[in-house]
Amino acid sequence: MAEDLDELLDEVESKFCRPKSVSPGPLERPPGRSSTVTCSRNSADPETEDYDYGEDYDEDDDDDDHDLRSTKILLKADDDLDGLINEIFEEPCFDKKPVKLKPKSSNHTSVRTSIQVLGKRCSPVYVGGSSAPCGIGTNTSQRTCDQLRCTACDFRVLSFDDYKWDKSCDYLFFRNNMPEFNKLKAKMTKRKGIRAYACQCSWRDVEELTDLRTDQQLRWVCGKHNE
């Protein structure tokens, strides 16, 4: 690597940093002179006529122009050399991957979708008689939940307005006959204002609005409401 860099520096230095020799050429006639002179100032021929440059001509002007051109060449060579060195030592960043930013709108969309999927739930959960309205129960809107589900038997809780369960009902009866109303009706009696609730493992007759948190034996919870 060091040998390659030395060779590159030598090549750049020989190309840009060594000014070329300027061969003498014919001098142009200054304005205002009628005679034509084709000889060089440095000519060694004694017979050659010396040119009169006038009072305003300064021999140092040519040297200043030459120095200015040489300075510009050296500055350009330094810039080119710095650029080549930077290209050699610059490390490629192939392993860096662009960071992808997620738009904020996608987060809001996912939140709204989750809310729609989960739906709304009662809090607290109420049960009540046949005269109690059904809907989403809250502390300010005491409605009976019609989307009850039992966490013990993992079965939906059914309700029947103006009916009550017979005292002879047992676990096997509901286990074998839920949720067919025609079979369940065999052990139901008409009773106005009462609502009969049942799943596969539990049953209740309810007439007044009741918060399910007051009945520790029931494992009924609100499923979800699509409203």
C-alpha atoms as a PDB file:
ATOM      1  CA  MET A   1       0.000   0.000   0.000  1.00  0.00           C
ATOM      2  CA  ALA A   2       2.849   2.441   0.905  1.00  0.00           C
ATOM      3  CA  GLU A   3       4.770   1.650  -2.328  1.00  0.00           C
ATOM      4  CA  ASP A   4       1.651   2.286  -4.435  1.00  0.00           C
ATOM      5  CA  LEU A   5       1.119   5.611  -2.669  1.00  0.00           C
ATOM      6  CA  ASP A   6       4.759   6.651  -3.284  1.00  0.00           C
ATOM      7  CA  GLU A   7       4.452   5.819  -6.981  1.00  0.00           C
ATOM      8  CA  LEU A   8       1.225   7.799  -7.203  1.00  0.00           C
ATOM      9  CA  LEU A   9       2.815  10.807  -5.471  1.00  0.00           C
ATOM     10  CA  ASP A  10       5.822  10.683  -7.832  1.00  0.00           C
ATOM     11  CA  GLU A  11       3.526  10.556 -10.838  1.00  0.00           C
ATOM     12  CA  VAL A  12       1.444  13.512  -9.640  1.00  0.00           C
ATOM     13  CA  GLU A  13       4.560  15.503  -8.744  1.00  0.00           C
ATOM     14  CA  SER A  14       6.183  14.898 -12.131  1.00  0.00           C
ATOM     15  CA  LYS A  15       2.965  15.834 -13.905  1.00  0.00           C
ATOM     16  CA  PHE A  16       1.891  18.950 -12.012  1.00  0.00           C
ATOM     17  CA  CYS A  17       4.752  20.196  -9.840  1.00  0.00           C
ATOM     18  CA  ARG A  18       7.627  20.510 -12.377  1.00  0.00           C
ATOM     19  CA  PRO A  19       7.158  23.569 -14.643  1.00  0.00           C
ATOM     20  CA  LYS A  20       8.053  23.063 -18.250  1.00  0.00           C
ATOM     21  CA  SER A  21      10.866  25.152 -19.784  1.00  0.00           C
ATOM     22  CA  VAL A  22       9.664  27.915 -22.025  1.00  0.00           C
ATOM     23  CA  SER A  23      11.541  28.163 -25.272  1.00  0.00           C
ATOM     24  CA  PRO A  24      12.210  31.647 -26.492  1.00  0.00           C
ATOM     25  CA  GLY A  25      10.059  32.746 -29.358  1.00  0.00           C
ATOM     26  CA  PRO A  26       9.704  35.727 -31.607  1.00  0.00           C
ATOM     27  CA  LEU A  27       8.712  38.940 -29.909  1.00  0.00           C
ATOM     28  CA  GLU A  28       5.636  40.716 -31.100  1.00  0.00           C
ATOM     29  CA  ARG A  29       5.874  44.313 -32.111  1.00  0.00           C
ATOM     30  CA  PRO A  30       4.634  46.660 -29.412  1.00  0.00           C
ATOM     31  CA  PRO A  31       1.911  49.093 -30.429  1.00  0.00           C
ATOM     32  CA  GLY A  32       3.176  52.325 -31.953  1.00  0.00           C
ATOM     33  CA  ARG A  33       6.289  50.845 -33.585  1.00  0.00           C
ATOM     34  CA  SER A  34       6.516  50.809 -37.360  1.00  0.00           C
ATOM     35  CA  SER A  35       9.549  48.607 -37.707  1.00  0.00           C
ATOM     36  CA  THR A  36       9.339  44.779 -37.425  1.00  0.00           C
ATOM     37  CA  VAL A  37      11.807  42.913 -35.259  1.00  0.00           C
ATOM     38  CA  THR A  38      12.009  39.101 -35.355  1.00  0.00           C
ATOM     39  CA  CYS A  39      15.080  38.553 -33.240  1.00  0.00           C
ATOM     40  CA  SER A  40      15.187  37.343 -29.643  1.00  0.00           C
ATOM     41  CA  ARG A  41      16.342  39.472 -26.737  1.00  0.00           C
ATOM     42  CA  ASN A  42      18.840  36.835 -25.712  1.00  0.00           C
ATOM     43  CA  SER A  43      20.236  36.327 -29.238  1.00  0.00           C
ATOM     44  CA  ALA A  44      24.019  36.053 -29.343  1.00  0.00           C
ATOM     45  CA  ASP A  45      24.262  37.239 -32.962  1.00  0.00           C
ATOM     46  CA  PRO A  46      26.242  40.522 -32.936  1.00  0.00           C
ATOM     47  CA  GLU A  47      24.707  41.590 -36.201  1.00  0.00           C
ATOM     48  CA  THR A  48      21.181  41.351 -34.870  1.00  0.00           C
ATOM     49  CA  GLU A  49      19.562  44.675 -34.142  1.00  0.00           C
ATOM     50  CA  ASP A  50      18.603  45.252 -30.482  1.00  0.00           C
ATOM     51  CA  TYR A  51      14.967  46.152 -29.974  1.00  0.00           C
ATOM     52  CA  ASP A  52      14.101  49.329 -28.134  1.00  0.00           C
ATOM     53  CA  TYR A  53      11.231  48.503 -25.686  1.00  0.00           C
ATOM     54  CA  GLY A  54      10.629  52.062 -24.654  1.00  0.00           C
ATOM     55  CA  GLU A  55      10.595  53.691 -21.270  1.00  0.00           C
ATOM     56  CA  ASP A  56       7.408  51.924 -19.999  1.00  0.00           C
ATOM     57  CA  TYR A  57       8.643  48.380 -20.574  1.00  0.00           C
ATOM     58  CA  ASP A  58       9.677  46.481 -17.461  1.00  0.00           C
ATOM     59  CA  GLU A  59      11.677  43.272 -17.754  1.00  0.00           C
ATOM     60  CA  ASP A  60      10.343  42.064 -14.382  1.00  0.00           C
ATOM     61  CA  ASP A  61       6.771  41.785 -15.790  1.00  0.00           C
ATOM     62  CA  ASP A  62       7.607  38.565 -17.652  1.00  0.00           C
ATOM     63  CA  ASP A  63       9.119  37.086 -14.496  1.00  0.00           C
ATOM     64  CA  ASP A  64       6.030  38.030 -12.454  1.00  0.00           C
ATOM     65  CA  ASP A  65       3.696  36.403 -14.994  1.00  0.00           C
ATOM     66  CA  HIS A  66       5.823  33.278 -15.013  1.00  0.00           C
ATOM     67  CA  ASP A  67       5.809  33.098 -11.195  1.00  0.00           C
ATOM     68  CA  LEU A  68       2.014  33.571 -11.111  1.00  0.00           C
ATOM     69  CA  ARG A  69       1.448  30.739 -13.592  1.00  0.00           C
ATOM     70  CA  SER A  70       3.812  28.486 -11.644  1.00  0.00           C
ATOM     71  CA  THR A  71       1.963  29.246  -8.396  1.00  0.00           C
ATOM     72  CA  LYS A  72      -1.413  28.384  -9.953  1.00  0.00           C
ATOM     73  CA  ILE A  73      -0.002  25.099 -11.297  1.00  0.00           C
ATOM     74  CA  LEU A  74       1.359  24.157  -7.854  1.00  0.00           C
ATOM     75  CA  LEU A  75      -1.945  24.979  -6.123  1.00  0.00           C
ATOM     76  CA  LYS A  76      -3.912  22.889  -8.627  1.00  0.00           C
ATOM     77  CA  ALA A  77      -1.463  20.022  -8.174  1.00  0.00           C
ATOM     78  CA  ASP A  78      -1.919  20.155  -4.390  1.00  0.00           C
ATOM     79  CA  ASP A  79      -5.713  20.059  -4.741  1.00  0.00           C
ATOM     80  CA  ASP A  80      -5.567  17.097  -7.128  1.00  0.00           C
ATOM     81  CA  LEU A  81      -3.148  15.295  -4.822  1.00  0.00           C
ATOM     82  CA  ASP A  82      -5.410  15.805  -1.798  1.00  0.00           C
ATOM     83  CA  GLY A  83      -8.372  14.491  -3.766  1.00  0.00           C
ATOM     84  CA  LEU A  84      -6.500  11.336  -4.812  1.00  0.00           C
ATOM     85  CA  ILE A  85      -5.323  10.679  -1.256  1.00  0.00           C
ATOM     86  CA  ASN A  86      -8.868  11.071   0.064  1.00  0.00           C
ATOM     87  CA  GLU A  87     -10.178   8.606  -2.517  1.00  0.00           C
ATOM     88  CA  ILE A  88      -7.516   6.053  -1.532  1.00  0.00           C
ATOM     89  CA  PHE A  89      -8.114   6.209   2.206  1.00  0.00           C
ATOM     90  CA  GLU A  90     -11.864   6.705   2.114  1.00  0.00           C
ATOM     91  CA  GLU A  91     -13.660   3.672   3.557  1.00  0.00           C
ATOM     92  CA  PRO A  92     -16.686   2.451   1.609  1.00  0.00           C
ATOM     93  CA  CYS A  93     -19.863   2.229   3.673  1.00  0.00           C
ATOM     94  CA  PHE A  94     -21.451  -0.788   2.045  1.00  0.00           C
ATOM     95  CA  ASP A  95     -22.622  -2.315   5.326  1.00  0.00           C
ATOM     96  CA  LYS A  96     -24.691   0.660   6.372  1.00  0.00           C
ATOM     97  CA  LYS A  97     -28.352   0.313   5.664  1.00  0.00           C
ATOM     98  CA  PRO A  98     -30.660   3.297   5.359  1.00  0.00           C
ATOM     99  CA  VAL A  99     -32.980   3.806   8.280  1.00  0.00           C
ATOM    100  CA  LYS A 100     -36.581   3.484   7.305  1.00  0.00           C
ATOM    101  CA  LEU A 101     -38.963   5.729   9.146  1.00  0.00           C
ATOM    102  CA  LYS A 102     -42.444   4.597   9.726  1.00  0.00           C
ATOM    103  CA  PRO A 103     -45.088   7.169   9.047  1.00  0.00           C
ATOM    104  CA  LYS A 104     -46.979   8.336  12.099  1.00  0.00           C
ATOM    105  CA  SER A 105     -50.294   7.802  10.358  1.00  0.00           C
ATOM    106  CA  SER A 106     -49.746   4.010  10.379  1.00  0.00           C
ATOM    107  CA  ASN A 107     -49.623   4.003  14.197  1.00  0.00           C
ATOM    108  CA  HIS A 108     -52.926   5.856  14.440  1.00  0.00           C
ATOM    109  CA  THR A 109     -54.461   3.477  11.915  1.00  0.00           C
ATOM    110  CA  SER A 110     -53.351   0.400  13.886  1.00  0.00           C
ATOM    111  CA  VAL A 111     -54.775   1.850  17.106  1.00  0.00           C
ATOM    112  CA  ARG A 112     -58.116   2.555  15.488  1.00  0.00           C
ATOM    113  CA  THR A 113     -58.168  -0.958  14.003  1.00  0.00           C
ATOM    114  CA  SER A 114     -57.469  -2.515  17.416  1.00  0.00           C
ATOM    115  CA  ILE A 115     -60.314  -0.569  18.978  1.00  0.00           C
ATOM    116  CA  GLN A 116     -62.696  -1.710  16.265  1.00  0.00           C
ATOM    117  CA  VAL A 117     -61.619  -5.346  16.662  1.00  0.00           C
ATOM    118  CA  LEU A 118     -61.938  -5.324  20.445  1.00  0.00           C
ATOM    119  CA  GLY A 119     -65.235  -3.469  20.403  1.00  0.00           C
ATOM    120  CA  LYS A 120     -66.749  -1.911  23.508  1.00  0.00           C
ATOM    121  CA  ARG A 121     -67.290  -3.670  26.833  1.00  0.00           C
ATOM    122  CA  CYS A 122     -69.559  -3.051  29.790  1.00  0.00           C
ATOM    123  CA  SER A 123     -68.014  -1.614  32.931  1.00  0.00           C
ATOM    124  CA  PRO A 124     -69.510  -2.568  35.295  1.00  0.00           C
ATOM    125  CA  VAL A 125     -71.535  -5.522  33.982  1.00  0.00           C
ATOM    126  CA  TYR A 126     -75.238  -5.560  34.862  1.00  0.00           C
ATOM    127  CA  VAL A 127     -78.020  -8.161  34.665  1.00  0.00           C
ATOM    128  CA  GLY A 128     -81.668  -7.379  35.262  1.00  0.00           C
ATOM    129  CA  GLY A 129     -85.325  -8.211  34.727  1.00  0.00           C
ATOM    130  CA  SER A 130     -87.224  -8.150  31.448  1.00  0.00           C
ATOM    131  CA  SER A 131     -88.079  -4.460  31.884  1.00  0.00           C
ATOM    132  CA  ALA A 132     -84.412  -3.401  32.091  1.00  0.00           C
ATOM    133  CA  PRO A 133     -82.996  -2.104  28.768  1.00  0.00           C
ATOM    134  CA  CYS A 134     -80.094  -3.958  27.172  1.00  0.00           C
ATOM    135  CA  GLY A 135     -76.905  -2.332  25.927  1.00  0.00           C
ATOM    136  CA  ILE A 136     -73.473  -1.206  27.080  1.00  0.00           C
ATOM    137  CA  GLY A 137     -73.486  -0.785  30.832  1.00  0.00           C
ATOM    138  CA  THR A 138     -71.588   2.054  32.517  1.00  0.00           C
ATOM    139  CA  ASN A 139     -71.758   3.858  35.837  1.00  0.00           C
ATOM    140  CA  THR A 140     -73.956   6.536  34.296  1.00  0.00           C
ATOM    141  CA  SER A 141     -75.878   4.256  31.899  1.00  0.00           C
ATOM    142  CA  GLN A 142     -77.065   1.203  33.827  1.00  0.00           C
ATOM    143  CA  ARG A 143     -77.992  -1.180  31.029  1.00  0.00           C
ATOM    144  CA  THR A 144     -78.050  -4.964  31.172  1.00  0.00           C
ATOM    145  CA  CYS A 145     -75.418  -6.743  29.112  1.00  0.00           C
ATOM    146  CA  ASP A 146     -76.728  -8.935  26.302  1.00  0.00           C
ATOM    147  CA  GLN A 147     -73.240 -10.161  25.280  1.00  0.00           C
ATOM    148  CA  LEU A 148     -72.409 -12.198  28.371  1.00  0.00           C
ATOM    149  CA  ARG A 149     -69.964 -15.090  28.262  1.00  0.00           C
ATOM    150  CA  CYS A 150     -68.961 -17.581  30.951  1.00  0.00           C
ATOM    151  CA  THR A 151     -65.229 -17.969  31.579  1.00  0.00           C
ATOM    152  CA  ALA A 152     -65.779 -21.273  33.430  1.00  0.00           C
ATOM    153  CA  CYS A 153     -67.469 -23.273  30.652  1.00  0.00           C
ATOM    154  CA  ASP A 154     -66.500 -20.927  27.792  1.00  0.00           C
ATOM    155  CA  PHE A 155     -70.093 -20.727  26.629  1.00  0.00           C
ATOM    156  CA  ARG A 156     -72.312 -17.803  25.769  1.00  0.00           C
ATOM    157  CA  VAL A 157     -74.892 -16.824  28.409  1.00  0.00           C
ATOM    158  CA  LEU A 158     -78.475 -16.883  27.092  1.00  0.00           C
ATOM    159  CA  SER A 159     -81.379 -14.896  28.512  1.00  0.00           C
ATOM    160  CA  PHE A 160     -85.150 -15.341  28.220  1.00  0.00           C
ATOM    161  CA  ASP A 161     -87.562 -12.522  29.061  1.00  0.00           C
ATOM    162  CA  ASP A 162     -90.608 -13.214  31.249  1.00  0.00           C
ATOM    163  CA  TYR A 163     -89.415 -16.716  32.172  1.00  0.00           C
ATOM    164  CA  LYS A 164     -87.943 -18.335  35.287  1.00  0.00           C
ATOM    165  CA  TRP A 165     -86.198 -21.653  35.818  1.00  0.00           C
ATOM    166  CA  ASP A 166     -87.887 -24.554  37.572  1.00  0.00           C
ATOM    167  CA  LYS A 167     -86.406 -25.593  40.890  1.00  0.00           C
ATOM    168  CA  SER A 168     -85.622 -29.058  39.488  1.00  0.00           C
ATOM    169  CA  CYS A 169     -82.964 -27.693  37.072  1.00  0.00           C
ATOM    170  CA  ASP A 170     -79.447 -29.063  37.535  1.00  0.00           C
ATOM    171  CA  TYR A 171     -76.027 -28.967  35.888  1.00  0.00           C
ATOM    172  CA  LEU A 172     -76.629 -32.009  33.625  1.00  0.00           C
ATOM    173  CA  PHE A 173     -79.857 -30.506  32.306  1.00  0.00           C
ATOM    174  CA  PHE A 174     -78.102 -27.387  31.015  1.00  0.00           C
ATOM    175  CA  ARG A 175     -75.061 -29.364  29.924  1.00  0.00           C
ATOM    176  CA  ASN A 176     -77.172 -31.605  27.699  1.00  0.00           C
ATOM    177  CA  ASN A 177     -79.750 -29.126  26.398  1.00  0.00           C
ATOM    178  CA  MET A 178     -78.018 -25.758  25.901  1.00  0.00           C
ATOM    179  CA  PRO A 179     -78.638 -23.782  23.776  1.00  0.00           C
ATOM    180  CA  GLU A 180     -81.824 -25.307  22.287  1.00  0.00           C
ATOM    181  CA  PHE A 181     -84.806 -23.316  23.528  1.00  0.00           C
ATOM    182  CA  ASN A 182     -87.347 -26.075  22.797  1.00  0.00           C
ATOM    183  CA  LYS A 183     -85.556 -28.436  25.197  1.00  0.00           C
ATOM    184  CA  LEU A 184     -84.872 -25.783  27.809  1.00  0.00           C
ATOM    185  CA  LYS A 185     -88.510 -24.725  27.787  1.00  0.00           C
ATOM    186  CA  ALA A 186     -89.425 -28.005  29.468  1.00  0.00           C
ATOM    187  CA  LYS A 187     -88.133 -26.631  32.783  1.00  0.00           C
ATOM    188  CA  MET A 188     -89.164 -22.981  32.358  1.00  0.00           C
ATOM    189  CA  THR A 189     -92.288 -21.281  33.676  1.00  0.00           C
ATOM    190  CA  LYS A 190     -93.829 -17.983  32.640  1.00  0.00           C
ATOM    191  CA  ARG A 191     -93.224 -15.137  35.087  1.00  0.00           C
ATOM    192  CA  LYS A 192     -93.711 -11.533  33.963  1.00  0.00           C
ATOM    193  CA  GLY A 193     -90.869  -9.110  34.728  1.00  0.00           C
ATOM    194  CA  ILE A 194     -88.286 -11.840  35.338  1.00  0.00           C
ATOM    195  CA  ARG A 195     -85.404 -12.652  33.001  1.00  0.00           C
ATOM    196  CA  ALA A 196     -83.927 -16.161  33.057  1.00  0.00           C
ATOM    197  CA  TYR A 197     -80.131 -16.388  32.456  1.00  0.00           C
ATOM    198  CA  ALA A 198     -78.148 -19.588  31.841  1.00  0.00           C
ATOM    199  CA  CYS A 199     -74.906 -21.011  30.431  1.00  0.00           C
ATOM    200  CA  GLN A 200     -73.799 -24.668  30.516  1.00  0.00           C
ATOM    201  CA  CYS A 201     -72.709 -24.578  34.163  1.00  0.00           C
ATOM    202  CA  SER A 202     -74.741 -21.823  35.890  1.00  0.00           C
ATOM    203  CA  TRP A 203     -78.236 -20.289  35.821  1.00  0.00           C
ATOM    204  CA  ARG A 204     -80.057 -17.413  37.507  1.00  0.00           C
ATOM    205  CA  ASP A 205     -83.494 -15.765  37.696  1.00  0.00           C
ATOM    206  CA  VAL A 206     -83.141 -11.952  37.878  1.00  0.00           C
ATOM    207  CA  GLU A 207     -85.837  -9.380  38.477  1.00  0.00           C
ATOM    208  CA  GLU A 208     -83.934  -6.288  39.710  1.00  0.00           C
ATOM    209  CA  LEU A 209     -80.927  -4.575  38.189  1.00  0.00           C
ATOM    210  CA  THR A 210     -77.870  -6.320  39.639  1.00  0.00           C
ATOM    211  CA  ASP A 211     -74.130  -5.679  39.376  1.00  0.00           C
ATOM    212  CA  LEU A 212     -72.378  -8.995  38.680  1.00  0.00           C
ATOM    213  CA  ARG A 213     -69.555  -8.023  41.047  1.00  0.00           C
ATOM    214  CA  THR A 214     -71.963  -8.685  43.909  1.00  0.00           C
ATOM    215  CA  ASP A 215     -72.375 -12.357  42.874  1.00  0.00           C
ATOM    216  CA  GLN A 216     -69.009 -14.038  43.420  1.00  0.00           C
ATOM    217  CA  GLN A 217     -70.206 -17.468  42.245  1.00  0.00           C
ATOM    218  CA  LEU A 218     -70.889 -16.400  38.672  1.00  0.00           C
ATOM    219  CA  ARG A 219     -68.010 -16.281  36.176  1.00  0.00           C
ATOM    220  CA  TRP A 220     -69.876 -14.169  33.638  1.00  0.00           C
ATOM    221  CA  VAL A 221     -68.148 -11.339  31.830  1.00  0.00           C
ATOM    222  CA  CYS A 222     -68.999  -8.992  29.003  1.00  0.00           C
ATOM    223  CA  GLY A 223     -67.856 -10.291  25.638  1.00  0.00           C
ATOM    224  CA  LYS A 224     -67.974  -7.265  23.366  1.00  0.00           C
ATOM    225  CA  HIS A 225     -70.491  -4.953  21.755  1.00  0.00           C
ATOM    226  CA  ASN A 226     -70.211  -4.028  18.094  1.00  0.00           C
ATOM    227  CA  GLU A 227     -72.139  -0.794  18.519  1.00  0.00           C
END
